[in-house]
């Protein structure tokens, strides 16, 4: 409450019908599916147990989406993709440092892309993500951007700052510098 006031960037997700805003993250694919599943987890599970239940339930029915991901007009990914999430902050979820170089007031958003992973590869990636070692993996990429376009053959699950959005086959994301 007593800290300095700063202007923050905002992410603007342009959907087929309308748009949504986010401050921290736009989960796209696997991480959005985990979030959706966590909301329907058994009520007896709380905190990290609820999240872990959702992660392993999602791994059990693991899927990828055939995505084409373009950042600032450059092709970043084409093919089976586990996730193509956008961060405006270094961490998301329960504090996972997904994109350590992300800054909330640098007039850029940050893409985190994971290519095709099987069940075992996804399970093995989890500790790396929690420890912040995932960025050295060959199937993981990050990239700052101003505009992003994602297209898929099938609807992709989305969540803006943890709130589910309707699955989309295509959408755009733009940074709104200093909008908040």
C-alpha atoms as a PDB file:
ATOM      1  CA  UNK A   1       0.000   0.000   0.000  1.00  0.00           C
ATOM      2  CA  UNK A   2       2.889   2.359   0.643  1.00  0.00           C
ATOM      3  CA  UNK A   3       4.950   1.402  -2.406  1.00  0.00           C
ATOM      4  CA  UNK A   4       5.534   3.639  -5.412  1.00  0.00           C
ATOM      5  CA  UNK A   5       2.847   3.942  -8.054  1.00  0.00           C
ATOM      6  CA  UNK A   6       3.863   2.631 -11.475  1.00  0.00           C
ATOM      7  CA  UNK A   7       2.120   2.305 -14.793  1.00  0.00           C
ATOM      8  CA  UNK A   8       1.568  -1.305 -15.896  1.00  0.00           C
ATOM      9  CA  UNK A   9       1.150  -2.877 -19.295  1.00  0.00           C
ATOM     10  CA  UNK A  10      -2.033  -4.825 -20.037  1.00  0.00           C
ATOM     11  CA  UNK A  11      -2.566  -7.729 -22.421  1.00  0.00           C
ATOM     12  CA  UNK A  12      -5.507  -7.414 -24.827  1.00  0.00           C
ATOM     13  CA  UNK A  13      -6.828 -10.726 -26.207  1.00  0.00           C
ATOM     14  CA  UNK A  14      -8.851 -10.226 -29.381  1.00  0.00           C
ATOM     15  CA  UNK A  15     -11.215 -13.150 -29.765  1.00  0.00           C
ATOM     16  CA  UNK A  16     -13.499 -13.947 -32.685  1.00  0.00           C
ATOM     17  CA  UNK A  17     -16.273 -12.197 -30.725  1.00  0.00           C
ATOM     18  CA  UNK A  18     -14.995  -9.364 -28.546  1.00  0.00           C
ATOM     19  CA  UNK A  19     -11.877  -9.149 -26.432  1.00  0.00           C
ATOM     20  CA  UNK A  20     -10.622  -9.661 -22.888  1.00  0.00           C
ATOM     21  CA  UNK A  21      -7.826  -8.079 -20.882  1.00  0.00           C
ATOM     22  CA  UNK A  22      -5.233  -9.617 -18.578  1.00  0.00           C
ATOM     23  CA  UNK A  23      -2.536  -8.238 -16.321  1.00  0.00           C
ATOM     24  CA  UNK A  24      -0.412 -11.283 -15.483  1.00  0.00           C
ATOM     25  CA  UNK A  25      -1.029 -14.151 -17.914  1.00  0.00           C
ATOM     26  CA  UNK A  26      -2.991 -15.691 -20.725  1.00  0.00           C
ATOM     27  CA  UNK A  27      -2.813 -19.482 -20.412  1.00  0.00           C
ATOM     28  CA  UNK A  28      -3.130 -21.187 -23.801  1.00  0.00           C
ATOM     29  CA  UNK A  29      -3.401 -24.978 -24.099  1.00  0.00           C
ATOM     30  CA  UNK A  30      -2.189 -27.337 -21.371  1.00  0.00           C
ATOM     31  CA  UNK A  31      -1.920 -24.775 -18.563  1.00  0.00           C
ATOM     32  CA  UNK A  32      -5.416 -23.437 -19.309  1.00  0.00           C
ATOM     33  CA  UNK A  33      -6.755 -27.003 -19.264  1.00  0.00           C
ATOM     34  CA  UNK A  34      -5.095 -27.598 -15.884  1.00  0.00           C
ATOM     35  CA  UNK A  35      -6.700 -24.434 -14.524  1.00  0.00           C
ATOM     36  CA  UNK A  36     -10.136 -25.460 -15.796  1.00  0.00           C
ATOM     37  CA  UNK A  37      -9.704 -28.925 -14.282  1.00  0.00           C
ATOM     38  CA  UNK A  38      -8.563 -27.482 -10.925  1.00  0.00           C
ATOM     39  CA  UNK A  39     -11.830 -25.574 -10.693  1.00  0.00           C
ATOM     40  CA  UNK A  40     -13.733 -28.867 -10.866  1.00  0.00           C
ATOM     41  CA  UNK A  41     -11.409 -30.806  -8.516  1.00  0.00           C
ATOM     42  CA  UNK A  42     -12.848 -32.532  -5.446  1.00  0.00           C
ATOM     43  CA  UNK A  43     -13.673 -29.896  -2.839  1.00  0.00           C
ATOM     44  CA  UNK A  44     -11.668 -31.776  -0.189  1.00  0.00           C
ATOM     45  CA  UNK A  45      -8.491 -30.884  -2.085  1.00  0.00           C
ATOM     46  CA  UNK A  46      -7.052 -27.459  -1.308  1.00  0.00           C
ATOM     47  CA  UNK A  47      -4.026 -25.434  -2.403  1.00  0.00           C
ATOM     48  CA  UNK A  48      -1.169 -27.277  -4.063  1.00  0.00           C
ATOM     49  CA  UNK A  49      -2.910 -30.661  -3.711  1.00  0.00           C
ATOM     50  CA  UNK A  50      -5.804 -29.389  -5.816  1.00  0.00           C
ATOM     51  CA  UNK A  51      -3.394 -28.088  -8.447  1.00  0.00           C
ATOM     52  CA  UNK A  52      -1.346 -31.324  -8.517  1.00  0.00           C
ATOM     53  CA  UNK A  53      -4.539 -33.377  -8.868  1.00  0.00           C
ATOM     54  CA  UNK A  54      -5.474 -31.215 -11.872  1.00  0.00           C
ATOM     55  CA  UNK A  55      -1.994 -31.514 -13.425  1.00  0.00           C
ATOM     56  CA  UNK A  56      -1.908 -35.301 -13.219  1.00  0.00           C
ATOM     57  CA  UNK A  57      -5.523 -35.645 -14.356  1.00  0.00           C
ATOM     58  CA  UNK A  58      -4.660 -33.488 -17.382  1.00  0.00           C
ATOM     59  CA  UNK A  59      -1.516 -35.522 -18.101  1.00  0.00           C
ATOM     60  CA  UNK A  60      -3.615 -38.700 -18.050  1.00  0.00           C
ATOM     61  CA  UNK A  61      -5.662 -37.322 -20.966  1.00  0.00           C
ATOM     62  CA  UNK A  62      -2.773 -35.344 -22.467  1.00  0.00           C
ATOM     63  CA  UNK A  63      -3.316 -33.642 -25.793  1.00  0.00           C
ATOM     64  CA  UNK A  64      -1.573 -31.131 -27.988  1.00  0.00           C
ATOM     65  CA  UNK A  65      -3.020 -28.657 -30.454  1.00  0.00           C
ATOM     66  CA  UNK A  66      -1.774 -28.104 -33.974  1.00  0.00           C
ATOM     67  CA  UNK A  67      -0.926 -24.409 -33.720  1.00  0.00           C
ATOM     68  CA  UNK A  68       0.585 -21.767 -35.895  1.00  0.00           C
ATOM     69  CA  UNK A  69       2.073 -19.068 -33.660  1.00  0.00           C
ATOM     70  CA  UNK A  70       3.324 -15.770 -35.093  1.00  0.00           C
ATOM     71  CA  UNK A  71       4.926 -13.066 -32.937  1.00  0.00           C
ATOM     72  CA  UNK A  72       5.398  -9.631 -34.480  1.00  0.00           C
ATOM     73  CA  UNK A  73       4.847 -11.256 -37.889  1.00  0.00           C
ATOM     74  CA  UNK A  74       7.553 -13.931 -37.425  1.00  0.00           C
ATOM     75  CA  UNK A  75       6.676 -17.634 -37.353  1.00  0.00           C
ATOM     76  CA  UNK A  76       7.586 -18.971 -33.915  1.00  0.00           C
ATOM     77  CA  UNK A  77       5.858 -22.358 -33.932  1.00  0.00           C
ATOM     78  CA  UNK A  78       3.967 -24.515 -36.423  1.00  0.00           C
ATOM     79  CA  UNK A  79       2.822 -27.983 -35.449  1.00  0.00           C
ATOM     80  CA  UNK A  80       1.753 -29.935 -32.367  1.00  0.00           C
ATOM     81  CA  UNK A  81       2.043 -27.651 -29.352  1.00  0.00           C
ATOM     82  CA  UNK A  82       1.487 -28.305 -25.656  1.00  0.00           C
ATOM     83  CA  UNK A  83       1.100 -24.636 -24.748  1.00  0.00           C
ATOM     84  CA  UNK A  84       1.663 -21.155 -26.159  1.00  0.00           C
ATOM     85  CA  UNK A  85       1.029 -18.932 -23.177  1.00  0.00           C
ATOM     86  CA  UNK A  86       1.592 -15.213 -22.736  1.00  0.00           C
ATOM     87  CA  UNK A  87       3.033 -13.621 -19.617  1.00  0.00           C
ATOM     88  CA  UNK A  88       3.338 -10.028 -18.531  1.00  0.00           C
ATOM     89  CA  UNK A  89       4.968 -11.024 -15.222  1.00  0.00           C
ATOM     90  CA  UNK A  90       7.885 -13.387 -14.501  1.00  0.00           C
ATOM     91  CA  UNK A  91       5.702 -16.010 -12.808  1.00  0.00           C
ATOM     92  CA  UNK A  92       2.215 -17.456 -12.924  1.00  0.00           C
ATOM     93  CA  UNK A  93       0.230 -20.266 -11.381  1.00  0.00           C
ATOM     94  CA  UNK A  94       1.411 -20.664  -7.821  1.00  0.00           C
ATOM     95  CA  UNK A  95       4.569 -18.631  -8.365  1.00  0.00           C
ATOM     96  CA  UNK A  96       6.249 -20.694 -11.109  1.00  0.00           C
ATOM     97  CA  UNK A  97       8.954 -18.537 -12.678  1.00  0.00           C
ATOM     98  CA  UNK A  98       7.897 -19.341 -16.237  1.00  0.00           C
ATOM     99  CA  UNK A  99       9.508 -16.323 -17.957  1.00  0.00           C
ATOM    100  CA  UNK A 100      11.998 -14.785 -15.484  1.00  0.00           C
ATOM    101  CA  UNK A 101      12.825 -11.833 -17.777  1.00  0.00           C
ATOM    102  CA  UNK A 102       9.205 -10.648 -18.107  1.00  0.00           C
ATOM    103  CA  UNK A 103       8.483  -7.199 -16.702  1.00  0.00           C
ATOM    104  CA  UNK A 104       5.053  -5.702 -16.092  1.00  0.00           C
ATOM    105  CA  UNK A 105       6.036  -2.247 -17.335  1.00  0.00           C
ATOM    106  CA  UNK A 106       8.371  -2.791 -20.311  1.00  0.00           C
ATOM    107  CA  UNK A 107       5.786  -2.270 -23.093  1.00  0.00           C
ATOM    108  CA  UNK A 108       6.177  -5.931 -24.170  1.00  0.00           C
ATOM    109  CA  UNK A 109       4.474  -9.249 -23.474  1.00  0.00           C
ATOM    110  CA  UNK A 110       6.325 -12.564 -23.350  1.00  0.00           C
ATOM    111  CA  UNK A 111       5.480 -15.759 -25.183  1.00  0.00           C
ATOM    112  CA  UNK A 112       6.204 -19.147 -23.591  1.00  0.00           C
ATOM    113  CA  UNK A 113       5.906 -22.019 -26.101  1.00  0.00           C
ATOM    114  CA  UNK A 114       6.244 -25.738 -25.417  1.00  0.00           C
ATOM    115  CA  UNK A 115       6.293 -28.065 -28.395  1.00  0.00           C
ATOM    116  CA  UNK A 116       5.033 -31.639 -28.438  1.00  0.00           C
ATOM    117  CA  UNK A 117       5.551 -33.553 -25.210  1.00  0.00           C
ATOM    118  CA  UNK A 118       4.317 -37.025 -24.321  1.00  0.00           C
ATOM    119  CA  UNK A 119       3.044 -37.968 -20.881  1.00  0.00           C
ATOM    120  CA  UNK A 120       6.463 -38.946 -19.520  1.00  0.00           C
ATOM    121  CA  UNK A 121       8.126 -35.845 -20.990  1.00  0.00           C
ATOM    122  CA  UNK A 122       5.451 -33.638 -19.432  1.00  0.00           C
ATOM    123  CA  UNK A 123       5.889 -35.281 -16.017  1.00  0.00           C
ATOM    124  CA  UNK A 124       9.671 -34.870 -16.267  1.00  0.00           C
ATOM    125  CA  UNK A 125       9.282 -31.208 -17.275  1.00  0.00           C
ATOM    126  CA  UNK A 126       7.289 -30.309 -14.134  1.00  0.00           C
ATOM    127  CA  UNK A 127      10.239 -30.285 -11.692  1.00  0.00           C
ATOM    128  CA  UNK A 128      12.296 -28.348 -14.249  1.00  0.00           C
ATOM    129  CA  UNK A 129       9.527 -25.738 -14.450  1.00  0.00           C
ATOM    130  CA  UNK A 130       9.252 -25.492 -10.671  1.00  0.00           C
ATOM    131  CA  UNK A 131      13.041 -25.069 -10.366  1.00  0.00           C
ATOM    132  CA  UNK A 132      13.227 -22.585 -13.259  1.00  0.00           C
ATOM    133  CA  UNK A 133      15.356 -24.922 -15.416  1.00  0.00           C
ATOM    134  CA  UNK A 134      12.804 -25.392 -18.208  1.00  0.00           C
ATOM    135  CA  UNK A 135      14.165 -22.637 -20.468  1.00  0.00           C
ATOM    136  CA  UNK A 136      17.219 -24.718 -21.428  1.00  0.00           C
ATOM    137  CA  UNK A 137      15.041 -27.494 -22.876  1.00  0.00           C
ATOM    138  CA  UNK A 138      15.078 -27.729 -26.695  1.00  0.00           C
ATOM    139  CA  UNK A 139      11.250 -27.843 -26.912  1.00  0.00           C
ATOM    140  CA  UNK A 140      10.735 -24.674 -24.842  1.00  0.00           C
ATOM    141  CA  UNK A 141      11.012 -21.156 -26.258  1.00  0.00           C
ATOM    142  CA  UNK A 142      10.341 -17.678 -24.961  1.00  0.00           C
ATOM    143  CA  UNK A 143      10.149 -14.455 -26.865  1.00  0.00           C
ATOM    144  CA  UNK A 144       9.062 -10.889 -26.092  1.00  0.00           C
ATOM    145  CA  UNK A 145       6.531  -9.403 -28.511  1.00  0.00           C
ATOM    146  CA  UNK A 146       4.068  -6.589 -29.216  1.00  0.00           C
ATOM    147  CA  UNK A 147       1.515  -8.585 -31.229  1.00  0.00           C
ATOM    148  CA  UNK A 148       0.815 -12.307 -31.362  1.00  0.00           C
ATOM    149  CA  UNK A 149      -1.453 -14.354 -33.606  1.00  0.00           C
ATOM    150  CA  UNK A 150      -2.386 -17.982 -32.858  1.00  0.00           C
ATOM    151  CA  UNK A 151      -4.347 -20.262 -35.180  1.00  0.00           C
ATOM    152  CA  UNK A 152      -5.365 -23.896 -34.686  1.00  0.00           C
ATOM    153  CA  UNK A 153      -7.387 -26.601 -36.430  1.00  0.00           C
ATOM    154  CA  UNK A 154      -9.332 -27.200 -33.211  1.00  0.00           C
ATOM    155  CA  UNK A 155     -10.406 -24.872 -30.375  1.00  0.00           C
ATOM    156  CA  UNK A 156      -7.665 -24.228 -27.811  1.00  0.00           C
ATOM    157  CA  UNK A 157      -8.487 -23.787 -24.096  1.00  0.00           C
ATOM    158  CA  UNK A 158      -7.738 -20.276 -22.781  1.00  0.00           C
ATOM    159  CA  UNK A 159      -7.672 -18.579 -19.383  1.00  0.00           C
ATOM    160  CA  UNK A 160      -6.942 -14.899 -18.700  1.00  0.00           C
ATOM    161  CA  UNK A 161      -5.426 -14.369 -15.229  1.00  0.00           C
ATOM    162  CA  UNK A 162      -6.883 -17.736 -14.242  1.00  0.00           C
ATOM    163  CA  UNK A 163     -10.400 -17.032 -15.499  1.00  0.00           C
ATOM    164  CA  UNK A 164     -11.588 -19.423 -18.233  1.00  0.00           C
ATOM    165  CA  UNK A 165     -12.354 -17.973 -21.652  1.00  0.00           C
ATOM    166  CA  UNK A 166     -14.220 -19.751 -24.444  1.00  0.00           C
ATOM    167  CA  UNK A 167     -11.890 -22.065 -26.412  1.00  0.00           C
ATOM    168  CA  UNK A 168     -10.767 -20.467 -29.682  1.00  0.00           C
ATOM    169  CA  UNK A 169      -9.446 -21.619 -33.045  1.00  0.00           C
ATOM    170  CA  UNK A 170      -7.787 -18.253 -33.607  1.00  0.00           C
ATOM    171  CA  UNK A 171      -7.033 -15.136 -31.600  1.00  0.00           C
ATOM    172  CA  UNK A 172      -4.651 -12.189 -31.371  1.00  0.00           C
ATOM    173  CA  UNK A 173      -2.876 -10.709 -28.364  1.00  0.00           C
ATOM    174  CA  UNK A 174      -1.561  -7.164 -28.185  1.00  0.00           C
ATOM    175  CA  UNK A 175       0.240  -5.278 -25.475  1.00  0.00           C
ATOM    176  CA  UNK A 176      -1.351  -2.064 -24.220  1.00  0.00           C
ATOM    177  CA  UNK A 177       1.681  -0.223 -22.823  1.00  0.00           C
ATOM    178  CA  UNK A 178       1.116   1.650 -19.545  1.00  0.00           C
ATOM    179  CA  UNK A 179      -2.660   1.080 -19.811  1.00  0.00           C
ATOM    180  CA  UNK A 180      -3.102   0.638 -16.062  1.00  0.00           C
END
